[in-house]
C-alpha atoms as a PDB file:
ATOM      1  CA  MET A   1      17.052  10.462  -2.532  1.00  0.00           C
ATOM      2  CA  GLU A   2      13.473   9.767  -3.512  1.00  0.00           C
ATOM      3  CA  THR A   3      10.204  11.298  -2.297  1.00  0.00           C
ATOM      4  CA  ILE A   4       7.082   9.219  -1.866  1.00  0.00           C
ATOM      5  CA  LYS A   5       3.843  10.877  -0.789  1.00  0.00           C
ATOM      6  CA  ALA A   6       1.686   9.020   1.721  1.00  0.00           C
ATOM      7  CA  THR A   7      -1.173   9.607   4.123  1.00  0.00           C
ATOM      8  CA  TYR A   8      -1.226   8.539   7.776  1.00  0.00           C
ATOM      9  CA  HIS A   9      -4.201   6.865   9.433  1.00  0.00           C
ATOM     10  CA  GLU A  10      -4.375   4.933  12.723  1.00  0.00           C
ATOM     11  CA  GLY A  11      -0.657   4.176  12.938  1.00  0.00           C
ATOM     12  CA  LEU A  12      -0.162   3.254   9.274  1.00  0.00           C
ATOM     13  CA  LEU A  13       1.279   5.068   6.290  1.00  0.00           C
ATOM     14  CA  PHE A  14      -0.643   4.668   3.033  1.00  0.00           C
ATOM     15  CA  PRO A  15       1.349   5.513  -0.097  1.00  0.00           C
ATOM     16  CA  ILE A  16      -0.256   7.848  -2.596  1.00  0.00           C
ATOM     17  CA  ASP A  17       2.523   7.462  -5.126  1.00  0.00           C
ATOM     18  CA  THR A  18       3.549   4.227  -6.796  1.00  0.00           C
ATOM     19  CA  ILE A  19       6.271   2.406  -4.859  1.00  0.00           C
ATOM     20  CA  ASP A  20       8.834  -0.041  -6.199  1.00  0.00           C
ATOM     21  CA  VAL A  21       8.835  -2.359  -3.188  1.00  0.00           C
ATOM     22  CA  LYS A  22      11.840  -4.336  -4.418  1.00  0.00           C
ATOM     23  CA  GLY A  23      13.767  -1.081  -4.727  1.00  0.00           C
ATOM     24  CA  LEU A  24      13.213  -0.325  -1.033  1.00  0.00           C
ATOM     25  CA  LYS A  25      14.966  -3.449   0.178  1.00  0.00           C
ATOM     26  CA  GLU A  26      17.814  -2.628   2.581  1.00  0.00           C
ATOM     27  CA  LYS A  27      17.271   1.129   2.254  1.00  0.00           C
ATOM     28  CA  VAL A  28      16.994   3.500   5.172  1.00  0.00           C
ATOM     29  CA  ILE A  29      13.634   5.223   5.074  1.00  0.00           C
ATOM     30  CA  LYS A  30      13.119   8.615   6.702  1.00  0.00           C
ATOM     31  CA  VAL A  31       9.682  10.134   7.097  1.00  0.00           C
ATOM     32  CA  LYS A  32       9.105  13.869   6.816  1.00  0.00           C
ATOM     33  CA  ILE A  33       5.714  15.181   7.884  1.00  0.00           C
ATOM     34  CA  VAL A  34       4.424  18.026   5.734  1.00  0.00           C
ATOM     35  CA  GLU A  35       1.239  19.788   6.729  1.00  0.00           C
ATOM     36  CA  GLY A  36      -1.086  21.838   4.655  1.00  0.00           C
ATOM     37  CA  GLU A  37      -1.301  19.962   1.367  1.00  0.00           C
ATOM     38  CA  ASN A  38      -4.878  20.302   0.233  1.00  0.00           C
ATOM     39  CA  ILE A  39      -6.094  17.426  -1.907  1.00  0.00           C
ATOM     40  CA  THR A  40      -9.537  17.607  -3.464  1.00  0.00           C
ATOM     41  CA  GLU A  41     -11.936  14.668  -3.387  1.00  0.00           C
ATOM     42  CA  ALA A  42     -11.572  14.336  -7.155  1.00  0.00           C
ATOM     43  CA  GLN A  43      -7.779  14.050  -6.785  1.00  0.00           C
ATOM     44  CA  LYS A  44      -8.176  11.449  -4.022  1.00  0.00           C
ATOM     45  CA  LYS A  45     -10.539   9.393  -6.197  1.00  0.00           C
ATOM     46  CA  LYS A  46      -8.175   9.612  -9.165  1.00  0.00           C
ATOM     47  CA  ARG A  47      -5.216   8.499  -7.037  1.00  0.00           C
ATOM     48  CA  MET A  48      -7.168   5.635  -5.486  1.00  0.00           C
ATOM     49  CA  LYS A  49      -8.314   4.440  -8.906  1.00  0.00           C
ATOM     50  CA  LYS A  50      -4.712   4.527 -10.127  1.00  0.00           C
ATOM     51  CA  LEU A  51      -3.525   2.542  -7.086  1.00  0.00           C
ATOM     52  CA  PHE A  52      -6.283  -0.058  -7.464  1.00  0.00           C
ATOM     53  CA  ASP A  53      -5.535  -0.388 -11.175  1.00  0.00           C
ATOM     54  CA  GLU A  54      -1.843  -0.971 -10.368  1.00  0.00           C
ATOM     55  CA  LEU A  55      -2.761  -3.478  -7.661  1.00  0.00           C
ATOM     56  CA  HIS A  56      -5.010  -5.323 -10.119  1.00  0.00           C
ATOM     57  CA  GLN A  57      -2.231  -5.424 -12.722  1.00  0.00           C
ATOM     58  CA  SER A  58       0.268  -6.803 -10.191  1.00  0.00           C
ATOM     59  CA  ASN A  59      -2.064  -9.730  -9.376  1.00  0.00           C
ATOM     60  CA  PRO A  60      -0.652 -10.100  -5.842  1.00  0.00           C
ATOM     61  CA  PHE A  61      -2.589 -13.250  -4.981  1.00  0.00           C
ATOM     62  CA  SER A  62      -1.810 -15.252  -8.098  1.00  0.00           C
ATOM     63  CA  ASP A  63       0.252 -17.754  -6.093  1.00  0.00           C
ATOM     64  CA  ILE A  64      -2.729 -18.712  -3.873  1.00  0.00           C
ATOM     65  CA  LYS A  65      -4.141 -21.916  -5.354  1.00  0.00           C
ATOM     66  CA  ASP A  66      -6.824 -22.573  -2.712  1.00  0.00           C
ATOM     67  CA  PRO A  67      -8.198 -19.281  -1.307  1.00  0.00           C
ATOM     68  CA  VAL A  68     -10.346 -20.991   1.332  1.00  0.00           C
ATOM     69  CA  ALA A  69      -7.422 -22.967   2.768  1.00  0.00           C
ATOM     70  CA  TRP A  70      -5.216 -19.862   2.633  1.00  0.00           C
ATOM     71  CA  GLN A  71      -7.790 -17.787   4.520  1.00  0.00           C
ATOM     72  CA  LYS A  72      -8.223 -20.478   7.204  1.00  0.00           C
ATOM     73  CA  LYS A  73      -4.434 -20.611   7.668  1.00  0.00           C
ATOM     74  CA  VAL A  74      -4.209 -16.807   8.002  1.00  0.00           C
ATOM     75  CA  ARG A  75      -7.030 -16.733  10.541  1.00  0.00           C
ATOM     76  CA  ALA A  76      -5.425 -19.535  12.562  1.00  0.00           C
ATOM     77  CA  GLU A  77      -2.109 -17.665  12.620  1.00  0.00           C
ATOM     78  CA  ARG A  78      -3.809 -14.457  13.784  1.00  0.00           C
ATOM     79  CA  ALA A  79      -5.587 -16.312  16.580  1.00  0.00           C
ATOM     80  CA  GLN A  80      -2.312 -17.525  18.094  1.00  0.00           C
END
């Protein structure tokens, strides 16, 4: 069993901790809501910086050769 902290906003869960997405494949995920954890603004900023740094390192859009064409395709798919 593994615990991953996340926040909830407008129907979505936003992970605070680092997640190994490949490791979640085919796993059953249960959500436990815990109230009362007080996080300071400084802690939030530190966590966000860490997440953005990890996102930057992962280079998630490296396979997109033509960003303009990709964006047009995404917008067309959303419009359908």
